[in-house]
Amino acid sequence: MLEGKAVVGETDMLQAMQEEALGLAAKALDVFDAAETIEIARFIKKEFDKLYGQGWQCIVGRDFGSFVTHCHGCFIYFCIGSLSILLFRGAAAGGLEAEATRFVALETLKA
């Protein structure tokens, strides 16, 4: 795994989902070499699809820019060492917005 802790740049995810994303990234870096960015992204994406339903996208790399439309509560961008990870659920997929709203409602209940 790359040295250092994960640094979250931007997110609108619930804390539990953020922790899941960071944990899966750490697990992926234990399994794959840091240069295997496609495999790392595939691993994180598939796990989030299993946990939170279909429609997740993951981009992993060292030097990239992006502009994405995502469901509310389903976006995180973070770095581990020199590796950047963008994980989000696309807003274009039908019916996903209602499910994302459910995540926000759960956080409201906890507060």
PDB file of N, CA and C in Angstrom:
ATOM      1  N   MET A   1       0.839  -1.189   0.000  1.00  0.00           N
ATOM      2  CA  MET A   1       0.000   0.000   0.000  1.00  0.00           C
ATOM      3  C   MET A   1       0.872   1.235   0.000  1.00  0.00           C
ATOM      4  N   LEU A   2       0.383   2.301  -0.605  1.00  0.00           N
ATOM      5  CA  LEU A   2       1.118   3.549  -0.601  1.00  0.00           C
ATOM      6  C   LEU A   2       1.215   4.085   0.812  1.00  0.00           C
ATOM      7  N   GLU A   3       2.331   4.727   1.136  1.00  0.00           N
ATOM      8  CA  GLU A   3       2.521   5.297   2.456  1.00  0.00           C
ATOM      9  C   GLU A   3       1.633   6.509   2.650  1.00  0.00           C
ATOM     10  N   GLY A   4       1.220   6.746   3.864  1.00  0.00           N
ATOM     11  CA  GLY A   4       0.435   7.933   4.179  1.00  0.00           C
ATOM     12  C   GLY A   4      -1.044   7.632   4.270  1.00  0.00           C
ATOM     13  N   LYS A   5      -1.743   8.564   4.875  1.00  0.00           N
ATOM     14  CA  LYS A   5      -3.180   8.418   5.046  1.00  0.00           C
ATOM     15  C   LYS A   5      -3.922   9.005   3.855  1.00  0.00           C
ATOM     16  N   ALA A   6      -5.157   8.602   3.747  1.00  0.00           N
ATOM     17  CA  ALA A   6      -6.014   9.157   2.708  1.00  0.00           C
ATOM     18  C   ALA A   6      -6.402  10.584   3.093  1.00  0.00           C
ATOM     19  N   VAL A   7      -6.409  11.455   2.099  1.00  0.00           N
ATOM     20  CA  VAL A   7      -6.817  12.840   2.291  1.00  0.00           C
ATOM     21  C   VAL A   7      -8.032  13.074   1.403  1.00  0.00           C
ATOM     22  N   VAL A   8      -9.172  13.347   2.028  1.00  0.00           N
ATOM     23  CA  VAL A   8     -10.404  13.586   1.281  1.00  0.00           C
ATOM     24  C   VAL A   8     -10.400  15.022   0.795  1.00  0.00           C
ATOM     25  N   GLY A   9     -10.533  15.177  -0.523  1.00  0.00           N
ATOM     26  CA  GLY A   9     -10.578  16.505  -1.118  1.00  0.00           C
ATOM     27  C   GLY A   9     -11.983  17.065  -1.118  1.00  0.00           C
ATOM     28  N   GLU A  10     -12.926  16.355  -1.699  1.00  0.00           N
ATOM     29  CA  GLU A  10     -14.324  16.766  -1.781  1.00  0.00           C
ATOM     30  C   GLU A  10     -15.202  15.534  -1.605  1.00  0.00           C
ATOM     31  N   THR A  11     -16.338  15.727  -0.953  1.00  0.00           N
ATOM     32  CA  THR A  11     -17.294  14.635  -0.814  1.00  0.00           C
ATOM     33  C   THR A  11     -18.651  15.175  -0.399  1.00  0.00           C
ATOM     34  N   ASP A  12     -19.685  14.439  -0.724  1.00  0.00           N
ATOM     35  CA  ASP A  12     -21.006  14.706  -0.167  1.00  0.00           C
ATOM     36  C   ASP A  12     -21.624  13.404   0.334  1.00  0.00           C
ATOM     37  N   MET A  13     -20.770  12.390   0.543  1.00  0.00           N
ATOM     38  CA  MET A  13     -21.218  11.083   1.017  1.00  0.00           C
ATOM     39  C   MET A  13     -21.437  11.092   2.526  1.00  0.00           C
ATOM     40  N   LEU A  14     -22.270  10.171   2.963  1.00  0.00           N
ATOM     41  CA  LEU A  14     -22.397   9.906   4.388  1.00  0.00           C
ATOM     42  C   LEU A  14     -21.054   9.407   4.916  1.00  0.00           C
ATOM     43  N   GLN A  15     -20.799   9.641   6.188  1.00  0.00           N
ATOM     44  CA  GLN A  15     -19.524   9.242   6.790  1.00  0.00           C
ATOM     45  C   GLN A  15     -19.258   7.745   6.615  1.00  0.00           C
ATOM     46  N   ALA A  16     -20.281   6.926   6.801  1.00  0.00           N
ATOM     47  CA  ALA A  16     -20.107   5.470   6.667  1.00  0.00           C
ATOM     48  C   ALA A  16     -19.691   5.083   5.246  1.00  0.00           C
ATOM     49  N   MET A  17     -20.277   5.737   4.242  1.00  0.00           N
ATOM     50  CA  MET A  17     -19.912   5.448   2.853  1.00  0.00           C
ATOM     51  C   MET A  17     -18.486   5.917   2.569  1.00  0.00           C
ATOM     52  N   GLN A  18     -18.104   7.065   3.134  1.00  0.00           N
ATOM     53  CA  GLN A  18     -16.731   7.561   2.966  1.00  0.00           C
ATOM     54  C   GLN A  18     -15.738   6.550   3.525  1.00  0.00           C
ATOM     55  N   GLU A  19     -16.024   6.062   4.725  1.00  0.00           N
ATOM     56  CA  GLU A  19     -15.135   5.081   5.360  1.00  0.00           C
ATOM     57  C   GLU A  19     -15.051   3.806   4.533  1.00  0.00           C
ATOM     58  N   GLU A  20     -16.174   3.399   3.947  1.00  0.00           N
ATOM     59  CA  GLU A  20     -16.191   2.213   3.083  1.00  0.00           C
ATOM     60  C   GLU A  20     -15.307   2.444   1.856  1.00  0.00           C
ATOM     61  N   ALA A  21     -15.420   3.617   1.241  1.00  0.00           N
ATOM     62  CA  ALA A  21     -14.609   3.943   0.063  1.00  0.00           C
ATOM     63  C   ALA A  21     -13.118   3.936   0.402  1.00  0.00           C
ATOM     64  N   LEU A  22     -12.760   4.550   1.512  1.00  0.00           N
ATOM     65  CA  LEU A  22     -11.350   4.598   1.918  1.00  0.00           C
ATOM     66  C   LEU A  22     -10.840   3.204   2.255  1.00  0.00           C
ATOM     67  N   GLY A  23     -11.668   2.417   2.928  1.00  0.00           N
ATOM     68  CA  GLY A  23     -11.278   1.048   3.259  1.00  0.00           C
ATOM     69  C   GLY A  23     -11.090   0.179   2.028  1.00  0.00           C
ATOM     70  N   LEU A  24     -11.989   0.319   1.059  1.00  0.00           N
ATOM     71  CA  LEU A  24     -11.860  -0.459  -0.179  1.00  0.00           C
ATOM     72  C   LEU A  24     -10.632  -0.039  -0.978  1.00  0.00           C
ATOM     73  N   ALA A  25     -10.323   1.254  -0.962  1.00  0.00           N
ATOM     74  CA  ALA A  25      -9.117   1.725  -1.654  1.00  0.00           C
ATOM     75  C   ALA A  25      -7.877   1.139  -0.999  1.00  0.00           C
ATOM     76  N   ALA A  26      -7.841   1.123   0.315  1.00  0.00           N
ATOM     77  CA  ALA A  26      -6.699   0.541   1.034  1.00  0.00           C
ATOM     78  C   ALA A  26      -6.575  -0.951   0.717  1.00  0.00           C
ATOM     79  N   LYS A  27      -7.721  -1.644   0.701  1.00  0.00           N
ATOM     80  CA  LYS A  27      -7.714  -3.074   0.375  1.00  0.00           C
ATOM     81  C   LYS A  27      -7.223  -3.309  -1.053  1.00  0.00           C
ATOM     82  N   ALA A  28      -7.684  -2.479  -1.989  1.00  0.00           N
ATOM     83  CA  ALA A  28      -7.265  -2.608  -3.386  1.00  0.00           C
ATOM     84  C   ALA A  28      -5.758  -2.396  -3.515  1.00  0.00           C
ATOM     85  N   LEU A  29      -5.228  -1.439  -2.753  1.00  0.00           N
ATOM     86  CA  LEU A  29      -3.787  -1.178  -2.817  1.00  0.00           C
ATOM     87  C   LEU A  29      -2.966  -2.273  -2.159  1.00  0.00           C
ATOM     88  N   ASP A  30      -3.592  -3.047  -1.279  1.00  0.00           N
ATOM     89  CA  ASP A  30      -2.920  -4.219  -0.713  1.00  0.00           C
ATOM     90  C   ASP A  30      -2.870  -5.355  -1.727  1.00  0.00           C
ATOM     91  N   VAL A  31      -3.896  -5.438  -2.574  1.00  0.00           N
ATOM     92  CA  VAL A  31      -4.010  -6.525  -3.548  1.00  0.00           C
ATOM     93  C   VAL A  31      -3.265  -6.208  -4.843  1.00  0.00           C
ATOM     94  N   PHE A  32      -3.381  -4.957  -5.309  1.00  0.00           N
ATOM     95  CA  PHE A  32      -2.802  -4.564  -6.592  1.00  0.00           C
ATOM     96  C   PHE A  32      -1.646  -3.593  -6.397  1.00  0.00           C
ATOM     97  N   ASP A  33      -0.740  -3.591  -7.345  1.00  0.00           N
ATOM     98  CA  ASP A  33       0.327  -2.601  -7.376  1.00  0.00           C
ATOM     99  C   ASP A  33      -0.285  -1.243  -7.685  1.00  0.00           C
ATOM    100  N   ALA A  34       0.293  -0.177  -7.152  1.00  0.00           N
ATOM    101  CA  ALA A  34      -0.243   1.179  -7.360  1.00  0.00           C
ATOM    102  C   ALA A  34      -0.295   1.562  -8.838  1.00  0.00           C
ATOM    103  N   ALA A  35       0.524   0.933  -9.667  1.00  0.00           N
ATOM    104  CA  ALA A  35       0.524   1.221 -11.106  1.00  0.00           C
ATOM    105  C   ALA A  35      -0.658   0.572 -11.831  1.00  0.00           C
ATOM    106  N   GLU A  36      -1.338  -0.357 -11.193  1.00  0.00           N
ATOM    107  CA  GLU A  36      -2.474  -1.053 -11.799  1.00  0.00           C
ATOM    108  C   GLU A  36      -3.770  -0.272 -11.536  1.00  0.00           C
ATOM    109  N   THR A  37      -3.809   0.955 -12.038  1.00  0.00           N
ATOM    110  CA  THR A  37      -4.921   1.851 -11.733  1.00  0.00           C
ATOM    111  C   THR A  37      -6.264   1.346 -12.249  1.00  0.00           C
ATOM    112  N   ILE A  38      -6.269   0.682 -13.387  1.00  0.00           N
ATOM    113  CA  ILE A  38      -7.530   0.152 -13.932  1.00  0.00           C
ATOM    114  C   ILE A  38      -8.085  -0.938 -13.020  1.00  0.00           C
ATOM    115  N   GLU A  39      -7.229  -1.800 -12.532  1.00  0.00           N
ATOM    116  CA  GLU A  39      -7.670  -2.878 -11.643  1.00  0.00           C
ATOM    117  C   GLU A  39      -8.158  -2.324 -10.309  1.00  0.00           C
ATOM    118  N   ILE A  40      -7.492  -1.306  -9.794  1.00  0.00           N
ATOM    119  CA  ILE A  40      -7.909  -0.675  -8.546  1.00  0.00           C
ATOM    120  C   ILE A  40      -9.295  -0.055  -8.722  1.00  0.00           C
ATOM    121  N   ALA A  41      -9.485   0.685  -9.812  1.00  0.00           N
ATOM    122  CA  ALA A  41     -10.775   1.312 -10.092  1.00  0.00           C
ATOM    123  C   ALA A  41     -11.869   0.263 -10.259  1.00  0.00           C
ATOM    124  N   ARG A  42     -11.583  -0.803 -10.986  1.00  0.00           N
ATOM    125  CA  ARG A  42     -12.566  -1.873 -11.205  1.00  0.00           C
ATOM    126  C   ARG A  42     -12.981  -2.508  -9.875  1.00  0.00           C
ATOM    127  N   PHE A  43     -11.994  -2.756  -9.016  1.00  0.00           N
ATOM    128  CA  PHE A  43     -12.261  -3.370  -7.712  1.00  0.00           C
ATOM    129  C   PHE A  43     -13.197  -2.493  -6.870  1.00  0.00           C
ATOM    130  N   ILE A  44     -12.872  -1.205  -6.753  1.00  0.00           N
ATOM    131  CA  ILE A  44     -13.673  -0.291  -5.940  1.00  0.00           C
ATOM    132  C   ILE A  44     -15.077  -0.151  -6.523  1.00  0.00           C
ATOM    133  N   LYS A  45     -15.174   0.013  -7.841  1.00  0.00           N
ATOM    134  CA  LYS A  45     -16.468   0.170  -8.516  1.00  0.00           C
ATOM    135  C   LYS A  45     -17.359  -1.053  -8.281  1.00  0.00           C
ATOM    136  N   LYS A  46     -16.826  -2.247  -8.474  1.00  0.00           N
ATOM    137  CA  LYS A  46     -17.622  -3.467  -8.316  1.00  0.00           C
ATOM    138  C   LYS A  46     -18.102  -3.641  -6.880  1.00  0.00           C
ATOM    139  N   GLU A  47     -17.246  -3.307  -5.923  1.00  0.00           N
ATOM    140  CA  GLU A  47     -17.641  -3.436  -4.523  1.00  0.00           C
ATOM    141  C   GLU A  47     -18.752  -2.438  -4.172  1.00  0.00           C
ATOM    142  N   PHE A  48     -18.653  -1.207  -4.657  1.00  0.00           N
ATOM    143  CA  PHE A  48     -19.706  -0.229  -4.401  1.00  0.00           C
ATOM    144  C   PHE A  48     -20.997  -0.613  -5.115  1.00  0.00           C
ATOM    145  N   ASP A  49     -20.899  -1.196  -6.310  1.00  0.00           N
ATOM    146  CA  ASP A  49     -22.090  -1.697  -6.996  1.00  0.00           C
ATOM    147  C   ASP A  49     -22.784  -2.767  -6.142  1.00  0.00           C
ATOM    148  N   LYS A  50     -22.015  -3.651  -5.520  1.00  0.00           N
ATOM    149  CA  LYS A  50     -22.588  -4.697  -4.669  1.00  0.00           C
ATOM    150  C   LYS A  50     -23.233  -4.110  -3.419  1.00  0.00           C
ATOM    151  N   LEU A  51     -22.553  -3.146  -2.807  1.00  0.00           N
ATOM    152  CA  LEU A  51     -23.022  -2.583  -1.539  1.00  0.00           C
ATOM    153  C   LEU A  51     -24.181  -1.605  -1.684  1.00  0.00           C
ATOM    154  N   TYR A  52     -24.133  -0.759  -2.725  1.00  0.00           N
ATOM    155  CA  TYR A  52     -25.073   0.362  -2.827  1.00  0.00           C
ATOM    156  C   TYR A  52     -25.877   0.379  -4.127  1.00  0.00           C
ATOM    157  N   GLY A  53     -25.820  -0.684  -4.899  1.00  0.00           N
ATOM    158  CA  GLY A  53     -26.573  -0.742  -6.149  1.00  0.00           C
ATOM    159  C   GLY A  53     -25.746  -0.299  -7.340  1.00  0.00           C
ATOM    160  N   GLN A  54     -26.270  -0.586  -8.518  1.00  0.00           N
ATOM    161  CA  GLN A  54     -25.554  -0.316  -9.773  1.00  0.00           C
ATOM    162  C   GLN A  54     -25.422   1.181 -10.062  1.00  0.00           C
ATOM    163  N   GLY A  55     -24.474   1.503 -10.937  1.00  0.00           N
ATOM    164  CA  GLY A  55     -24.328   2.869 -11.430  1.00  0.00           C
ATOM    165  C   GLY A  55     -23.105   3.606 -10.950  1.00  0.00           C
ATOM    166  N   TRP A  56     -22.236   2.956 -10.173  1.00  0.00           N
ATOM    167  CA  TRP A  56     -21.031   3.614  -9.655  1.00  0.00           C
ATOM    168  C   TRP A  56     -19.944   3.665 -10.713  1.00  0.00           C
ATOM    169  N   GLN A  57     -19.172   4.741 -10.689  1.00  0.00           N
ATOM    170  CA  GLN A  57     -18.024   4.920 -11.584  1.00  0.00           C
ATOM    171  C   GLN A  57     -16.817   5.255 -10.717  1.00  0.00           C
ATOM    172  N   CYS A  58     -15.651   4.786 -11.118  1.00  0.00           N
ATOM    173  CA  CYS A  58     -14.437   5.040 -10.352  1.00  0.00           C
ATOM    174  C   CYS A  58     -13.298   5.363 -11.314  1.00  0.00           C
ATOM    175  N   ILE A  59     -12.592   6.439 -11.001  1.00  0.00           N
ATOM    176  CA  ILE A  59     -11.429   6.857 -11.781  1.00  0.00           C
ATOM    177  C   ILE A  59     -10.242   6.903 -10.830  1.00  0.00           C
ATOM    178  N   VAL A  60      -9.162   6.255 -11.216  1.00  0.00           N
ATOM    179  CA  VAL A  60      -7.959   6.213 -10.392  1.00  0.00           C
ATOM    180  C   VAL A  60      -6.779   6.631 -11.247  1.00  0.00           C
ATOM    181  N   GLY A  61      -5.960   7.530 -10.748  1.00  0.00           N
ATOM    182  CA  GLY A  61      -4.788   7.963 -11.509  1.00  0.00           C
ATOM    183  C   GLY A  61      -3.959   8.978 -10.747  1.00  0.00           C
ATOM    184  N   ARG A  62      -2.989   9.529 -11.449  1.00  0.00           N
ATOM    185  CA  ARG A  62      -2.085  10.487 -10.831  1.00  0.00           C
ATOM    186  C   ARG A  62      -2.249  11.901 -11.365  1.00  0.00           C
ATOM    187  N   ASP A  63      -2.782  12.044 -12.550  1.00  0.00           N
ATOM    188  CA  ASP A  63      -2.884  13.367 -13.144  1.00  0.00           C
ATOM    189  C   ASP A  63      -4.075  13.385 -14.087  1.00  0.00           C
ATOM    190  N   PHE A  64      -5.246  13.745 -13.556  1.00  0.00           N
ATOM    191  CA  PHE A  64      -6.432  13.793 -14.401  1.00  0.00           C
ATOM    192  C   PHE A  64      -7.365  14.901 -13.920  1.00  0.00           C
ATOM    193  N   GLY A  65      -8.187  15.355 -14.824  1.00  0.00           N
ATOM    194  CA  GLY A  65      -9.221  16.323 -14.495  1.00  0.00           C
ATOM    195  C   GLY A  65     -10.565  15.704 -14.813  1.00  0.00           C
ATOM    196  N   SER A  66     -11.613  16.259 -14.219  1.00  0.00           N
ATOM    197  CA  SER A  66     -12.932  15.696 -14.492  1.00  0.00           C
ATOM    198  C   SER A  66     -14.014  16.718 -14.193  1.00  0.00           C
ATOM    199  N   PHE A  67     -15.148  16.488 -14.797  1.00  0.00           N
ATOM    200  CA  PHE A  67     -16.374  17.208 -14.501  1.00  0.00           C
ATOM    201  C   PHE A  67     -17.469  16.172 -14.647  1.00  0.00           C
ATOM    202  N   VAL A  68     -18.121  15.838 -13.539  1.00  0.00           N
ATOM    203  CA  VAL A  68     -19.116  14.769 -13.578  1.00  0.00           C
ATOM    204  C   VAL A  68     -20.429  15.236 -12.960  1.00  0.00           C
ATOM    205  N   THR A  69     -21.506  14.629 -13.405  1.00  0.00           N
ATOM    206  CA  THR A  69     -22.814  14.826 -12.800  1.00  0.00           C
ATOM    207  C   THR A  69     -23.089  13.584 -11.979  1.00  0.00           C
ATOM    208  N   HIS A  70     -23.446  13.783 -10.723  1.00  0.00           N
ATOM    209  CA  HIS A  70     -23.607  12.636  -9.832  1.00  0.00           C
ATOM    210  C   HIS A  70     -24.863  12.772  -8.989  1.00  0.00           C
ATOM    211  N   CYS A  71     -25.317  11.653  -8.449  1.00  0.00           N
ATOM    212  CA  CYS A  71     -26.444  11.645  -7.534  1.00  0.00           C
ATOM    213  C   CYS A  71     -26.031  12.316  -6.235  1.00  0.00           C
ATOM    214  N   HIS A  72     -26.963  13.041  -5.626  1.00  0.00           N
ATOM    215  CA  HIS A  72     -26.704  13.682  -4.342  1.00  0.00           C
ATOM    216  C   HIS A  72     -26.323  12.624  -3.303  1.00  0.00           C
ATOM    217  N   GLY A  73     -25.239  12.869  -2.590  1.00  0.00           N
ATOM    218  CA  GLY A  73     -24.784  11.947  -1.560  1.00  0.00           C
ATOM    219  C   GLY A  73     -23.929  10.805  -2.079  1.00  0.00           C
ATOM    220  N   CYS A  74     -23.517  10.880  -3.334  1.00  0.00           N
ATOM    221  CA  CYS A  74     -22.800   9.757  -3.954  1.00  0.00           C
ATOM    222  C   CYS A  74     -21.532  10.208  -4.676  1.00  0.00           C
ATOM    223  N   PHE A  75     -20.706  11.021  -4.021  1.00  0.00           N
ATOM    224  CA  PHE A  75     -19.493  11.542  -4.647  1.00  0.00           C
ATOM    225  C   PHE A  75     -18.388  11.646  -3.605  1.00  0.00           C
ATOM    226  N   ILE A  76     -17.196  11.171  -3.972  1.00  0.00           N
ATOM    227  CA  ILE A  76     -16.019  11.375  -3.137  1.00  0.00           C
ATOM    228  C   ILE A  76     -14.785  11.438  -4.027  1.00  0.00           C
ATOM    229  N   TYR A  77     -13.912  12.374  -3.696  1.00  0.00           N
ATOM    230  CA  TYR A  77     -12.612  12.499  -4.349  1.00  0.00           C
ATOM    231  C   TYR A  77     -11.583  12.528  -3.231  1.00  0.00           C
ATOM    232  N   PHE A  78     -10.619  11.600  -3.296  1.00  0.00           N
ATOM    233  CA  PHE A  78      -9.599  11.552  -2.255  1.00  0.00           C
ATOM    234  C   PHE A  78      -8.266  11.089  -2.824  1.00  0.00           C
ATOM    235  N   CYS A  79      -7.215  11.328  -2.061  1.00  0.00           N
ATOM    236  CA  CYS A  79      -5.862  10.948  -2.477  1.00  0.00           C
ATOM    237  C   CYS A  79      -5.237  10.062  -1.409  1.00  0.00           C
ATOM    238  N   ILE A  80      -4.489   9.101  -1.864  1.00  0.00           N
ATOM    239  CA  ILE A  80      -3.652   8.279  -0.996  1.00  0.00           C
ATOM    240  C   ILE A  80      -2.263   8.363  -1.595  1.00  0.00           C
ATOM    241  N   GLY A  81      -1.365   9.042  -0.899  1.00  0.00           N
ATOM    242  CA  GLY A  81      -0.054   9.306  -1.466  1.00  0.00           C
ATOM    243  C   GLY A  81      -0.218  10.126  -2.728  1.00  0.00           C
ATOM    244  N   SER A  82       0.386   9.688  -3.807  1.00  0.00           N
ATOM    245  CA  SER A  82       0.285  10.417  -5.079  1.00  0.00           C
ATOM    246  C   SER A  82      -0.864   9.909  -5.960  1.00  0.00           C
ATOM    247  N   LEU A  83      -1.623   8.950  -5.463  1.00  0.00           N
ATOM    248  CA  LEU A  83      -2.722   8.351  -6.222  1.00  0.00           C
ATOM    249  C   LEU A  83      -4.035   9.041  -5.876  1.00  0.00           C
ATOM    250  N   SER A  84      -4.765   9.501  -6.898  1.00  0.00           N
ATOM    251  CA  SER A  84      -6.059  10.157  -6.707  1.00  0.00           C
ATOM    252  C   SER A  84      -7.176   9.213  -7.111  1.00  0.00           C
ATOM    253  N   ILE A  85      -8.274   9.256  -6.347  1.00  0.00           N
ATOM    254  CA  ILE A  85      -9.405   8.370  -6.600  1.00  0.00           C
ATOM    255  C   ILE A  85     -10.686   9.195  -6.592  1.00  0.00           C
ATOM    256  N   LEU A  86     -11.449   9.055  -7.663  1.00  0.00           N
ATOM    257  CA  LEU A  86     -12.745   9.707  -7.802  1.00  0.00           C
ATOM    258  C   LEU A  86     -13.790   8.600  -7.905  1.00  0.00           C
ATOM    259  N   LEU A  87     -14.749   8.608  -6.996  1.00  0.00           N
ATOM    260  CA  LEU A  87     -15.804   7.596  -6.970  1.00  0.00           C
ATOM    261  C   LEU A  87     -17.139   8.326  -6.910  1.00  0.00           C
ATOM    262  N   PHE A  88     -18.040   7.989  -7.832  1.00  0.00           N
ATOM    263  CA  PHE A  88     -19.334   8.648  -7.865  1.00  0.00           C
ATOM    264  C   PHE A  88     -20.374   7.752  -8.511  1.00  0.00           C
ATOM    265  N   ARG A  89     -21.617   8.070  -8.222  1.00  0.00           N
ATOM    266  CA  ARG A  89     -22.729   7.367  -8.850  1.00  0.00           C
ATOM    267  C   ARG A  89     -23.367   8.321  -9.837  1.00  0.00           C
ATOM    268  N   GLY A  90     -23.428   7.915 -11.090  1.00  0.00           N
ATOM    269  CA  GLY A  90     -23.939   8.774 -12.142  1.00  0.00           C
ATOM    270  C   GLY A  90     -25.396   9.154 -11.944  1.00  0.00           C
ATOM    271  N   ALA A  91     -25.699  10.407 -12.194  1.00  0.00           N
ATOM    272  CA  ALA A  91     -27.069  10.901 -12.036  1.00  0.00           C
ATOM    273  C   ALA A  91     -27.952  10.548 -13.217  1.00  0.00           C
ATOM    274  N   ALA A  92     -27.375  10.165 -14.335  1.00  0.00           N
ATOM    275  CA  ALA A  92     -28.157   9.877 -15.536  1.00  0.00           C
ATOM    276  C   ALA A  92     -28.907   8.553 -15.446  1.00  0.00           C
ATOM    277  N   ALA A  93     -28.463   7.653 -14.563  1.00  0.00           N
ATOM    278  CA  ALA A  93     -29.112   6.351 -14.445  1.00  0.00           C
ATOM    279  C   ALA A  93     -30.493   6.530 -13.823  1.00  0.00           C
ATOM    280  N   GLY A  94     -31.517   5.957 -14.440  1.00  0.00           N
ATOM    281  CA  GLY A  94     -32.898   6.140 -13.995  1.00  0.00           C
ATOM    282  C   GLY A  94     -33.155   5.588 -12.604  1.00  0.00           C
ATOM    283  N   GLY A  95     -33.880   6.357 -11.795  1.00  0.00           N
ATOM    284  CA  GLY A  95     -34.292   5.906 -10.475  1.00  0.00           C
ATOM    285  C   GLY A  95     -33.255   6.011  -9.389  1.00  0.00           C
ATOM    286  N   LEU A  96     -32.055   6.426  -9.711  1.00  0.00           N
ATOM    287  CA  LEU A  96     -30.998   6.469  -8.708  1.00  0.00           C
ATOM    288  C   LEU A  96     -31.136   7.659  -7.769  1.00  0.00           C
ATOM    289  N   GLU A  97     -31.715   8.752  -8.230  1.00  0.00           N
ATOM    290  CA  GLU A  97     -31.834   9.944  -7.389  1.00  0.00           C
ATOM    291  C   GLU A  97     -32.675   9.660  -6.144  1.00  0.00           C
ATOM    292  N   ALA A  98     -33.740   8.905  -6.293  1.00  0.00           N
ATOM    293  CA  ALA A  98     -34.597   8.573  -5.153  1.00  0.00           C
ATOM    294  C   ALA A  98     -33.836   7.733  -4.140  1.00  0.00           C
ATOM    295  N   GLU A  99     -33.027   6.798  -4.621  1.00  0.00           N
ATOM    296  CA  GLU A  99     -32.245   5.963  -3.718  1.00  0.00           C
ATOM    297  C   GLU A  99     -31.185   6.783  -3.006  1.00  0.00           C
ATOM    298  N   ALA A 100     -30.560   7.727  -3.695  1.00  0.00           N
ATOM    299  CA  ALA A 100     -29.567   8.588  -3.071  1.00  0.00           C
ATOM    300  C   ALA A 100     -30.204   9.452  -1.991  1.00  0.00           C
ATOM    301  N   THR A 101     -31.422   9.891  -2.212  1.00  0.00           N
ATOM    302  CA  THR A 101     -32.134  10.685  -1.219  1.00  0.00           C
ATOM    303  C   THR A 101     -32.349   9.865   0.046  1.00  0.00           C
ATOM    304  N   ARG A 102     -32.522   8.581  -0.105  1.00  0.00           N
ATOM    305  CA  ARG A 102     -32.680   7.692   1.052  1.00  0.00           C
ATOM    306  C   ARG A 102     -31.440   7.729   1.925  1.00  0.00           C
ATOM    307  N   PHE A 103     -30.223   7.796   1.330  1.00  0.00           N
ATOM    308  CA  PHE A 103     -28.988   7.887   2.102  1.00  0.00           C
ATOM    309  C   PHE A 103     -28.977   9.156   2.939  1.00  0.00           C
ATOM    310  N   VAL A 104     -29.411  10.254   2.357  1.00  0.00           N
ATOM    311  CA  VAL A 104     -29.442  11.536   3.065  1.00  0.00           C
ATOM    312  C   VAL A 104     -30.459  11.464   4.206  1.00  0.00           C
ATOM    313  N   ALA A 105     -31.590  10.839   3.961  1.00  0.00           N
ATOM    314  CA  ALA A 105     -32.604  10.706   4.996  1.00  0.00           C
ATOM    315  C   ALA A 105     -32.091   9.884   6.167  1.00  0.00           C
ATOM    316  N   LEU A 106     -31.306   8.857   5.904  1.00  0.00           N
ATOM    317  CA  LEU A 106     -30.722   8.054   6.967  1.00  0.00           C
ATOM    318  C   LEU A 106     -29.785   8.895   7.839  1.00  0.00           C
ATOM    319  N   GLU A 107     -28.999   9.760   7.206  1.00  0.00           N
ATOM    320  CA  GLU A 107     -28.097  10.612   7.973  1.00  0.00           C
ATOM    321  C   GLU A 107     -28.892  11.572   8.844  1.00  0.00           C
ATOM    322  N   THR A 108     -29.996  12.095   8.344  1.00  0.00           N
ATOM    323  CA  THR A 108     -30.839  13.011   9.092  1.00  0.00           C
ATOM    324  C   THR A 108     -31.409  12.309  10.326  1.00  0.00           C
ATOM    325  N   LEU A 109     -31.790  11.046  10.185  1.00  0.00           N
ATOM    326  CA  LEU A 109     -32.308  10.288  11.314  1.00  0.00           C
ATOM    327  C   LEU A 109     -31.257  10.081  12.389  1.00  0.00           C
ATOM    328  N   LYS A 110     -29.996   9.905  11.995  1.00  0.00           N
ATOM    329  CA  LYS A 110     -28.921   9.699  12.958  1.00  0.00           C
ATOM    330  C   LYS A 110     -28.636  10.960  13.768  1.00  0.00           C
ATOM    331  N   ALA A 111     -28.842  12.122  13.155  1.00  0.00           N
ATOM    332  CA  ALA A 111     -28.510  13.401  13.806  1.00  0.00           C
ATOM    333  C   ALA A 111     -29.435  13.774  14.923  1.00  0.00           C
TER     334      ALA A 111
END
